């Protein structure tokens, strides 16, 4: 497989190899793809969690259960803050 990179990405890869952390451009690309795959899995898990929570909330509305808007807002803020901390 041959891959074409922009000059900027090519320089980035070369810099990583020259740093001594990687032995070849292939190692840099493999690591980048591994990280992309990891990111995709995390996003998929996050989406599945969101969809499950949405399903639970819709089911509770169907049962006529009351929704506490302040509680919802607080949970959303808390989850958003947790995600932000995990990314940092």
PDB file of N, CA and C in Angstrom:
ATOM      1  N   UNK A   1       0.841  -1.169   0.000  1.00  0.00           N
ATOM      2  CA  UNK A   1       0.000   0.000   0.000  1.00  0.00           C
ATOM      3  C   UNK A   1       0.892   1.240   0.000  1.00  0.00           C
ATOM      4  N   UNK A   2       0.566   2.162  -0.843  1.00  0.00           N
ATOM      5  CA  UNK A   2       1.268   3.444  -0.877  1.00  0.00           C
ATOM      6  C   UNK A   2       0.327   4.525  -0.384  1.00  0.00           C
ATOM      7  N   UNK A   3       0.858   5.432   0.396  1.00  0.00           N
ATOM      8  CA  UNK A   3       0.054   6.517   0.947  1.00  0.00           C
ATOM      9  C   UNK A   3       0.728   7.834   0.599  1.00  0.00           C
ATOM     10  N   UNK A   4      -0.067   8.780   0.120  1.00  0.00           N
ATOM     11  CA  UNK A   4       0.461  10.112  -0.185  1.00  0.00           C
ATOM     12  C   UNK A   4       0.158  11.039   0.981  1.00  0.00           C
ATOM     13  N   UNK A   5       1.169  11.765   1.408  1.00  0.00           N
ATOM     14  CA  UNK A   5       1.009  12.712   2.503  1.00  0.00           C
ATOM     15  C   UNK A   5       1.270  14.119   2.003  1.00  0.00           C
ATOM     16  N   UNK A   6       0.661  15.084   2.667  1.00  0.00           N
ATOM     17  CA  UNK A   6       0.991  16.470   2.366  1.00  0.00           C
ATOM     18  C   UNK A   6       2.421  16.715   2.828  1.00  0.00           C
ATOM     19  N   UNK A   7       3.021  17.775   2.333  1.00  0.00           N
ATOM     20  CA  UNK A   7       4.389  18.093   2.753  1.00  0.00           C
ATOM     21  C   UNK A   7       4.456  18.318   4.261  1.00  0.00           C
ATOM     22  N   UNK A   8       3.428  18.944   4.795  1.00  0.00           N
ATOM     23  CA  UNK A   8       3.395  19.211   6.232  1.00  0.00           C
ATOM     24  C   UNK A   8       3.385  17.903   7.030  1.00  0.00           C
ATOM     25  N   UNK A   9       2.551  16.948   6.618  1.00  0.00           N
ATOM     26  CA  UNK A   9       2.507  15.664   7.320  1.00  0.00           C
ATOM     27  C   UNK A   9       3.798  14.880   7.122  1.00  0.00           C
ATOM     28  N   UNK A  10       4.365  14.980   5.942  1.00  0.00           N
ATOM     29  CA  UNK A  10       5.629  14.292   5.682  1.00  0.00           C
ATOM     30  C   UNK A  10       6.726  14.818   6.614  1.00  0.00           C
ATOM     31  N   UNK A  11       6.779  16.141   6.773  1.00  0.00           N
ATOM     32  CA  UNK A  11       7.763  16.738   7.690  1.00  0.00           C
ATOM     33  C   UNK A  11       7.503  16.285   9.129  1.00  0.00           C
ATOM     34  N   UNK A  12       6.232  16.215   9.498  1.00  0.00           N
ATOM     35  CA  UNK A  12       5.872  15.770  10.845  1.00  0.00           C
ATOM     36  C   UNK A  12       6.367  14.347  11.089  1.00  0.00           C
ATOM     37  N   UNK A  13       6.125  13.462  10.133  1.00  0.00           N
ATOM     38  CA  UNK A  13       6.568  12.068  10.252  1.00  0.00           C
ATOM     39  C   UNK A  13       8.085  12.012  10.341  1.00  0.00           C
ATOM     40  N   UNK A  14       8.766  12.753   9.487  1.00  0.00           N
ATOM     41  CA  UNK A  14      10.232  12.761   9.503  1.00  0.00           C
ATOM     42  C   UNK A  14      10.766  13.261  10.847  1.00  0.00           C
ATOM     43  N   UNK A  15      10.112  14.274  11.392  1.00  0.00           N
ATOM     44  CA  UNK A  15      10.524  14.809  12.694  1.00  0.00           C
ATOM     45  C   UNK A  15      10.390  13.750  13.780  1.00  0.00           C
ATOM     46  N   UNK A  16       9.307  12.982  13.727  1.00  0.00           N
ATOM     47  CA  UNK A  16       9.102  11.920  14.718  1.00  0.00           C
ATOM     48  C   UNK A  16      10.182  10.844  14.601  1.00  0.00           C
ATOM     49  N   UNK A  17      10.534  10.479  13.381  1.00  0.00           N
ATOM     50  CA  UNK A  17      11.579   9.466  13.176  1.00  0.00           C
ATOM     51  C   UNK A  17      12.923  10.019  13.655  1.00  0.00           C
ATOM     52  N   UNK A  18      13.216  11.260  13.303  1.00  0.00           N
ATOM     53  CA  UNK A  18      14.489  11.870  13.693  1.00  0.00           C
ATOM     54  C   UNK A  18      14.612  12.039  15.206  1.00  0.00           C
ATOM     55  N   UNK A  19      13.482  12.120  15.892  1.00  0.00           N
ATOM     56  CA  UNK A  19      13.521  12.267  17.353  1.00  0.00           C
ATOM     57  C   UNK A  19      14.038  10.996  18.027  1.00  0.00           C
ATOM     58  N   UNK A  20      14.027   9.881  17.283  1.00  0.00           N
ATOM     59  CA  UNK A  20      14.495   8.618  17.835  1.00  0.00           C
ATOM     60  C   UNK A  20      13.405   7.788  18.484  1.00  0.00           C
ATOM     61  N   UNK A  21      12.238   8.342  18.608  1.00  0.00           N
ATOM     62  CA  UNK A  21      11.135   7.595  19.228  1.00  0.00           C
ATOM     63  C   UNK A  21      10.637   6.485  18.306  1.00  0.00           C
ATOM     64  N   UNK A  22      10.731   6.712  17.017  1.00  0.00           N
ATOM     65  CA  UNK A  22      10.288   5.727  16.021  1.00  0.00           C
ATOM     66  C   UNK A  22      11.464   5.377  15.122  1.00  0.00           C
ATOM     67  N   UNK A  23      11.505   4.125  14.662  1.00  0.00           N
ATOM     68  CA  UNK A  23      12.587   3.682  13.789  1.00  0.00           C
ATOM     69  C   UNK A  23      12.312   3.944  12.321  1.00  0.00           C
ATOM     70  N   UNK A  24      11.047   4.158  11.977  1.00  0.00           N
ATOM     71  CA  UNK A  24      10.709   4.355  10.566  1.00  0.00           C
ATOM     72  C   UNK A  24       9.403   5.128  10.439  1.00  0.00           C
ATOM     73  N   UNK A  25       9.165   5.615   9.227  1.00  0.00           N
ATOM     74  CA  UNK A  25       7.909   6.303   8.933  1.00  0.00           C
ATOM     75  C   UNK A  25       6.735   5.346   9.115  1.00  0.00           C
ATOM     76  N   UNK A  26       6.939   4.084   8.786  1.00  0.00           N
ATOM     77  CA  UNK A  26       5.871   3.089   8.949  1.00  0.00           C
ATOM     78  C   UNK A  26       5.433   2.974  10.403  1.00  0.00           C
ATOM     79  N   UNK A  27       6.388   3.024  11.319  1.00  0.00           N
ATOM     80  CA  UNK A  27       6.045   2.960  12.742  1.00  0.00           C
ATOM     81  C   UNK A  27       5.200   4.160  13.150  1.00  0.00           C
ATOM     82  N   UNK A  28       5.542   5.331  12.643  1.00  0.00           N
ATOM     83  CA  UNK A  28       4.774   6.540  12.958  1.00  0.00           C
ATOM     84  C   UNK A  28       3.343   6.381  12.452  1.00  0.00           C
ATOM     85  N   UNK A  29       3.199   5.921  11.221  1.00  0.00           N
ATOM     86  CA  UNK A  29       1.868   5.760  10.632  1.00  0.00           C
ATOM     87  C   UNK A  29       1.073   4.696  11.389  1.00  0.00           C
ATOM     88  N   UNK A  30       1.709   3.585  11.744  1.00  0.00           N
ATOM     89  CA  UNK A  30       1.006   2.543  12.509  1.00  0.00           C
ATOM     90  C   UNK A  30       0.503   3.085  13.845  1.00  0.00           C
ATOM     91  N   UNK A  31       1.347   3.850  14.530  1.00  0.00           N
ATOM     92  CA  UNK A  31       0.945   4.438  15.810  1.00  0.00           C
ATOM     93  C   UNK A  31      -0.217   5.413  15.611  1.00  0.00           C
ATOM     94  N   UNK A  32      -0.143   6.221  14.574  1.00  0.00           N
ATOM     95  CA  UNK A  32      -1.224   7.170  14.291  1.00  0.00           C
ATOM     96  C   UNK A  32      -2.533   6.437  14.018  1.00  0.00           C
ATOM     97  N   UNK A  33      -2.464   5.359  13.255  1.00  0.00           N
ATOM     98  CA  UNK A  33      -3.673   4.586  12.956  1.00  0.00           C
ATOM     99  C   UNK A  33      -4.209   3.884  14.198  1.00  0.00           C
ATOM    100  N   UNK A  34      -3.316   3.412  15.059  1.00  0.00           N
ATOM    101  CA  UNK A  34      -3.755   2.786  16.307  1.00  0.00           C
ATOM    102  C   UNK A  34      -4.502   3.796  17.171  1.00  0.00           C
ATOM    103  N   UNK A  35      -3.966   5.016  17.253  1.00  0.00           N
ATOM    104  CA  UNK A  35      -4.624   6.062  18.036  1.00  0.00           C
ATOM    105  C   UNK A  35      -5.963   6.459  17.425  1.00  0.00           C
ATOM    106  N   UNK A  36      -6.037   6.501  16.101  1.00  0.00           N
ATOM    107  CA  UNK A  36      -7.297   6.810  15.427  1.00  0.00           C
ATOM    108  C   UNK A  36      -8.336   5.733  15.715  1.00  0.00           C
ATOM    109  N   UNK A  37      -7.899   4.478  15.663  1.00  0.00           N
ATOM    110  CA  UNK A  37      -8.805   3.369  15.951  1.00  0.00           C
ATOM    111  C   UNK A  37      -9.311   3.452  17.397  1.00  0.00           C
ATOM    112  N   UNK A  38      -8.414   3.764  18.318  1.00  0.00           N
ATOM    113  CA  UNK A  38      -8.780   3.911  19.729  1.00  0.00           C
ATOM    114  C   UNK A  38      -9.798   5.042  19.902  1.00  0.00           C
ATOM    115  N   UNK A  39      -9.568   6.148  19.218  1.00  0.00           N
ATOM    116  CA  UNK A  39     -10.483   7.282  19.273  1.00  0.00           C
ATOM    117  C   UNK A  39     -11.853   6.913  18.708  1.00  0.00           C
ATOM    118  N   UNK A  40     -11.862   6.183  17.601  1.00  0.00           N
ATOM    119  CA  UNK A  40     -13.130   5.750  17.003  1.00  0.00           C
ATOM    120  C   UNK A  40     -13.904   4.847  17.954  1.00  0.00           C
ATOM    121  N   UNK A  41     -13.210   3.936  18.623  1.00  0.00           N
ATOM    122  CA  UNK A  41     -13.877   3.042  19.581  1.00  0.00           C
ATOM    123  C   UNK A  41     -14.463   3.837  20.747  1.00  0.00           C
ATOM    124  N   UNK A  42     -13.715   4.818  21.231  1.00  0.00           N
ATOM    125  CA  UNK A  42     -14.197   5.639  22.345  1.00  0.00           C
ATOM    126  C   UNK A  42     -15.436   6.424  21.931  1.00  0.00           C
ATOM    127  N   UNK A  43     -15.419   6.978  20.724  1.00  0.00           N
ATOM    128  CA  UNK A  43     -16.593   7.714  20.229  1.00  0.00           C
ATOM    129  C   UNK A  43     -17.795   6.799  20.076  1.00  0.00           C
ATOM    130  N   UNK A  44     -17.569   5.598  19.562  1.00  0.00           N
ATOM    131  CA  UNK A  44     -18.663   4.639  19.387  1.00  0.00           C
ATOM    132  C   UNK A  44     -19.257   4.261  20.743  1.00  0.00           C
ATOM    133  N   UNK A  45     -18.408   4.062  21.739  1.00  0.00           N
ATOM    134  CA  UNK A  45     -18.890   3.729  23.082  1.00  0.00           C
ATOM    135  C   UNK A  45     -19.683   4.890  23.667  1.00  0.00           C
ATOM    136  N   UNK A  46     -19.198   6.095  23.439  1.00  0.00           N
ATOM    137  CA  UNK A  46     -19.881   7.286  23.935  1.00  0.00           C
ATOM    138  C   UNK A  46     -21.253   7.427  23.271  1.00  0.00           C
ATOM    139  N   UNK A  47     -21.318   7.185  21.975  1.00  0.00           N
ATOM    140  CA  UNK A  47     -22.587   7.269  21.256  1.00  0.00           C
ATOM    141  C   UNK A  47     -23.551   6.192  21.744  1.00  0.00           C
ATOM    142  N   UNK A  48     -23.050   4.988  21.974  1.00  0.00           N
ATOM    143  CA  UNK A  48     -23.897   3.908  22.480  1.00  0.00           C
ATOM    144  C   UNK A  48     -24.443   4.264  23.864  1.00  0.00           C
ATOM    145  N   UNK A  49     -23.599   4.849  24.705  1.00  0.00           N
ATOM    146  CA  UNK A  49     -24.032   5.276  26.041  1.00  0.00           C
ATOM    147  C   UNK A  49     -25.117   6.343  25.932  1.00  0.00           C
ATOM    148  N   UNK A  50     -24.909   7.304  25.034  1.00  0.00           N
ATOM    149  CA  UNK A  50     -25.888   8.366  24.827  1.00  0.00           C
ATOM    150  C   UNK A  50     -27.216   7.788  24.352  1.00  0.00           C
ATOM    151  N   UNK A  51     -27.163   6.887  23.372  1.00  0.00           N
ATOM    152  CA  UNK A  51     -28.392   6.296  22.837  1.00  0.00           C
ATOM    153  C   UNK A  51     -29.130   5.476  23.887  1.00  0.00           C
ATOM    154  N   UNK A  52     -28.391   4.749  24.719  1.00  0.00           N
ATOM    155  CA  UNK A  52     -29.018   3.973  25.787  1.00  0.00           C
ATOM    156  C   UNK A  52     -29.703   4.899  26.789  1.00  0.00           C
ATOM    157  N   UNK A  53     -29.017   5.965  27.159  1.00  0.00           N
ATOM    158  CA  UNK A  53     -29.594   6.937  28.101  1.00  0.00           C
ATOM    159  C   UNK A  53     -30.823   7.602  27.490  1.00  0.00           C
ATOM    160  N   UNK A  54     -30.742   7.953  26.227  1.00  0.00           N
ATOM    161  CA  UNK A  54     -31.886   8.557  25.544  1.00  0.00           C
ATOM    162  C   UNK A  54     -33.070   7.593  25.548  1.00  0.00           C
ATOM    163  N   UNK A  55     -32.807   6.330  25.272  1.00  0.00           N
ATOM    164  CA  UNK A  55     -33.869   5.324  25.296  1.00  0.00           C
ATOM    165  C   UNK A  55     -34.518   5.221  26.667  1.00  0.00           C
ATOM    166  N   UNK A  56     -33.690   5.237  27.720  1.00  0.00           N
ATOM    167  CA  UNK A  56     -34.238   5.173  29.084  1.00  0.00           C
ATOM    168  C   UNK A  56     -35.092   6.399  29.386  1.00  0.00           C
ATOM    169  N   UNK A  57     -34.610   7.561  28.968  1.00  0.00           N
ATOM    170  CA  UNK A  57     -35.352   8.808  29.236  1.00  0.00           C
ATOM    171  C   UNK A  57     -36.667   8.838  28.466  1.00  0.00           C
ATOM    172  N   UNK A  58     -36.644   8.420  27.216  1.00  0.00           N
ATOM    173  CA  UNK A  58     -37.880   8.394  26.428  1.00  0.00           C
ATOM    174  C   UNK A  58     -38.877   7.401  27.015  1.00  0.00           C
ATOM    175  N   UNK A  59     -38.378   6.263  27.483  1.00  0.00           N
ATOM    176  CA  UNK A  59     -39.258   5.270  28.103  1.00  0.00           C
ATOM    177  C   UNK A  59     -39.896   5.837  29.370  1.00  0.00           C
ATOM    178  N   UNK A  60     -39.128   6.593  30.145  1.00  0.00           N
ATOM    179  CA  UNK A  60     -39.696   7.177  31.367  1.00  0.00           C
ATOM    180  C   UNK A  60     -40.766   8.212  31.023  1.00  0.00           C
ATOM    181  N   UNK A  61     -40.563   8.961  29.943  1.00  0.00           N
ATOM    182  CA  UNK A  61     -41.595   9.909  29.509  1.00  0.00           C
ATOM    183  C   UNK A  61     -42.845   9.168  29.058  1.00  0.00           C
ATOM    184  N   UNK A  62     -42.656   8.062  28.338  1.00  0.00           N
ATOM    185  CA  UNK A  62     -43.798   7.257  27.893  1.00  0.00           C
ATOM    186  C   UNK A  62     -44.596   6.730  29.083  1.00  0.00           C
ATOM    187  N   UNK A  63     -43.925   6.481  30.197  1.00  0.00           N
ATOM    188  CA  UNK A  63     -44.614   6.001  31.399  1.00  0.00           C
ATOM    189  C   UNK A  63     -45.241   7.153  32.180  1.00  0.00           C
ATOM    190  N   UNK A  64     -45.048   8.367  31.690  1.00  0.00           N
ATOM    191  CA  UNK A  64     -45.635   9.534  32.349  1.00  0.00           C
ATOM    192  C   UNK A  64     -44.817  10.063  33.501  1.00  0.00           C
ATOM    193  N   UNK A  65     -43.575   9.630  33.613  1.00  0.00           N
ATOM    194  CA  UNK A  65     -42.729  10.105  34.708  1.00  0.00           C
ATOM    195  C   UNK A  65     -42.292  11.540  34.447  1.00  0.00           C
ATOM    196  N   UNK A  66     -42.195  12.292  35.499  1.00  0.00           N
ATOM    197  CA  UNK A  66     -41.828  13.703  35.422  1.00  0.00           C
ATOM    198  C   UNK A  66     -40.325  13.850  35.148  1.00  0.00           C
ATOM    199  N   UNK A  67     -39.985  14.862  34.389  1.00  0.00           N
ATOM    200  CA  UNK A  67     -38.580  15.164  34.098  1.00  0.00           C
ATOM    201  C   UNK A  67     -38.189  16.405  34.888  1.00  0.00           C
ATOM    202  N   UNK A  68     -37.088  16.298  35.602  1.00  0.00           N
ATOM    203  CA  UNK A  68     -36.576  17.429  36.369  1.00  0.00           C
ATOM    204  C   UNK A  68     -35.562  18.167  35.502  1.00  0.00           C
ATOM    205  N   UNK A  69     -35.946  19.317  34.915  1.00  0.00           N
ATOM    206  CA  UNK A  69     -35.032  20.010  33.998  1.00  0.00           C
ATOM    207  C   UNK A  69     -33.722  20.451  34.652  1.00  0.00           C
ATOM    208  N   UNK A  70     -33.764  20.834  35.910  1.00  0.00           N
ATOM    209  CA  UNK A  70     -32.540  21.252  36.605  1.00  0.00           C
ATOM    210  C   UNK A  70     -31.612  20.053  36.770  1.00  0.00           C
ATOM    211  N   UNK A  71     -32.179  18.913  37.128  1.00  0.00           N
ATOM    212  CA  UNK A  71     -31.375  17.698  37.267  1.00  0.00           C
ATOM    213  C   UNK A  71     -30.753  17.277  35.948  1.00  0.00           C
ATOM    214  N   UNK A  72     -31.525  17.380  34.870  1.00  0.00           N
ATOM    215  CA  UNK A  72     -31.009  17.035  33.539  1.00  0.00           C
ATOM    216  C   UNK A  72     -29.845  17.943  33.185  1.00  0.00           C
ATOM    217  N   UNK A  73     -30.031  19.247  33.393  1.00  0.00           N
ATOM    218  CA  UNK A  73     -28.969  20.214  33.078  1.00  0.00           C
ATOM    219  C   UNK A  73     -27.709  19.915  33.891  1.00  0.00           C
ATOM    220  N   UNK A  74     -27.884  19.624  35.172  1.00  0.00           N
ATOM    221  CA  UNK A  74     -26.727  19.339  36.029  1.00  0.00           C
ATOM    222  C   UNK A  74     -26.000  18.070  35.591  1.00  0.00           C
ATOM    223  N   UNK A  75     -26.770  17.028  35.235  1.00  0.00           N
ATOM    224  CA  UNK A  75     -26.140  15.781  34.759  1.00  0.00           C
ATOM    225  C   UNK A  75     -25.371  16.023  33.467  1.00  0.00           C
ATOM    226  N   UNK A  76     -25.971  16.792  32.551  1.00  0.00           N
ATOM    227  CA  UNK A  76     -25.289  17.084  31.284  1.00  0.00           C
ATOM    228  C   UNK A  76     -24.002  17.860  31.519  1.00  0.00           C
ATOM    229  N   UNK A  77     -24.051  18.833  32.404  1.00  0.00           N
ATOM    230  CA  UNK A  77     -22.844  19.606  32.717  1.00  0.00           C
ATOM    231  C   UNK A  77     -21.769  18.719  33.331  1.00  0.00           C
ATOM    232  N   UNK A  78     -22.182  17.845  34.254  1.00  0.00           N
ATOM    233  CA  UNK A  78     -21.230  16.951  34.919  1.00  0.00           C
ATOM    234  C   UNK A  78     -20.581  16.003  33.914  1.00  0.00           C
ATOM    235  N   UNK A  79     -21.401  15.411  33.031  1.00  0.00           N
ATOM    236  CA  UNK A  79     -20.855  14.492  32.030  1.00  0.00           C
ATOM    237  C   UNK A  79     -19.937  15.223  31.056  1.00  0.00           C
ATOM    238  N   UNK A  80     -20.318  16.438  30.689  1.00  0.00           N
ATOM    239  CA  UNK A  80     -19.481  17.227  29.789  1.00  0.00           C
ATOM    240  C   UNK A  80     -18.129  17.520  30.438  1.00  0.00           C
ATOM    241  N   UNK A  81     -18.149  17.867  31.704  1.00  0.00           N
ATOM    242  CA  UNK A  81     -16.908  18.150  32.430  1.00  0.00           C
ATOM    243  C   UNK A  81     -16.046  16.893  32.547  1.00  0.00           C
ATOM    244  N   UNK A  82     -16.671  15.738  32.788  1.00  0.00           N
ATOM    245  CA  UNK A  82     -15.925  14.481  32.867  1.00  0.00           C
ATOM    246  C   UNK A  82     -15.240  14.173  31.539  1.00  0.00           C
ATOM    247  N   UNK A  83     -15.955  14.370  30.432  1.00  0.00           N
ATOM    248  CA  UNK A  83     -15.362  14.126  29.106  1.00  0.00           C
ATOM    249  C   UNK A  83     -14.198  15.073  28.852  1.00  0.00           C
ATOM    250  N   UNK A  84     -14.370  16.323  29.236  1.00  0.00           N
ATOM    251  CA  UNK A  84     -13.307  17.311  29.040  1.00  0.00           C
ATOM    252  C   UNK A  84     -12.061  16.921  29.833  1.00  0.00           C
ATOM    253  N   UNK A  85     -12.237  16.444  31.062  1.00  0.00           N
ATOM    254  CA  UNK A  85     -11.098  16.036  31.894  1.00  0.00           C
ATOM    255  C   UNK A  85     -10.402  14.811  31.321  1.00  0.00           C
ATOM    256  N   UNK A  86     -11.185  13.866  30.768  1.00  0.00           N
ATOM    257  CA  UNK A  86     -10.576  12.667  30.179  1.00  0.00           C
ATOM    258  C   UNK A  86      -9.732  13.024  28.963  1.00  0.00           C
ATOM    259  N   UNK A  87     -10.149  14.035  28.202  1.00  0.00           N
ATOM    260  CA  UNK A  87      -9.399  14.434  27.008  1.00  0.00           C
ATOM    261  C   UNK A  87      -8.140  15.207  27.356  1.00  0.00           C
ATOM    262  N   UNK A  88      -8.117  15.825  28.522  1.00  0.00           N
ATOM    263  CA  UNK A  88      -6.966  16.670  28.903  1.00  0.00           C
ATOM    264  C   UNK A  88      -5.770  15.853  29.297  1.00  0.00           C
TER     265      UNK A  88
END
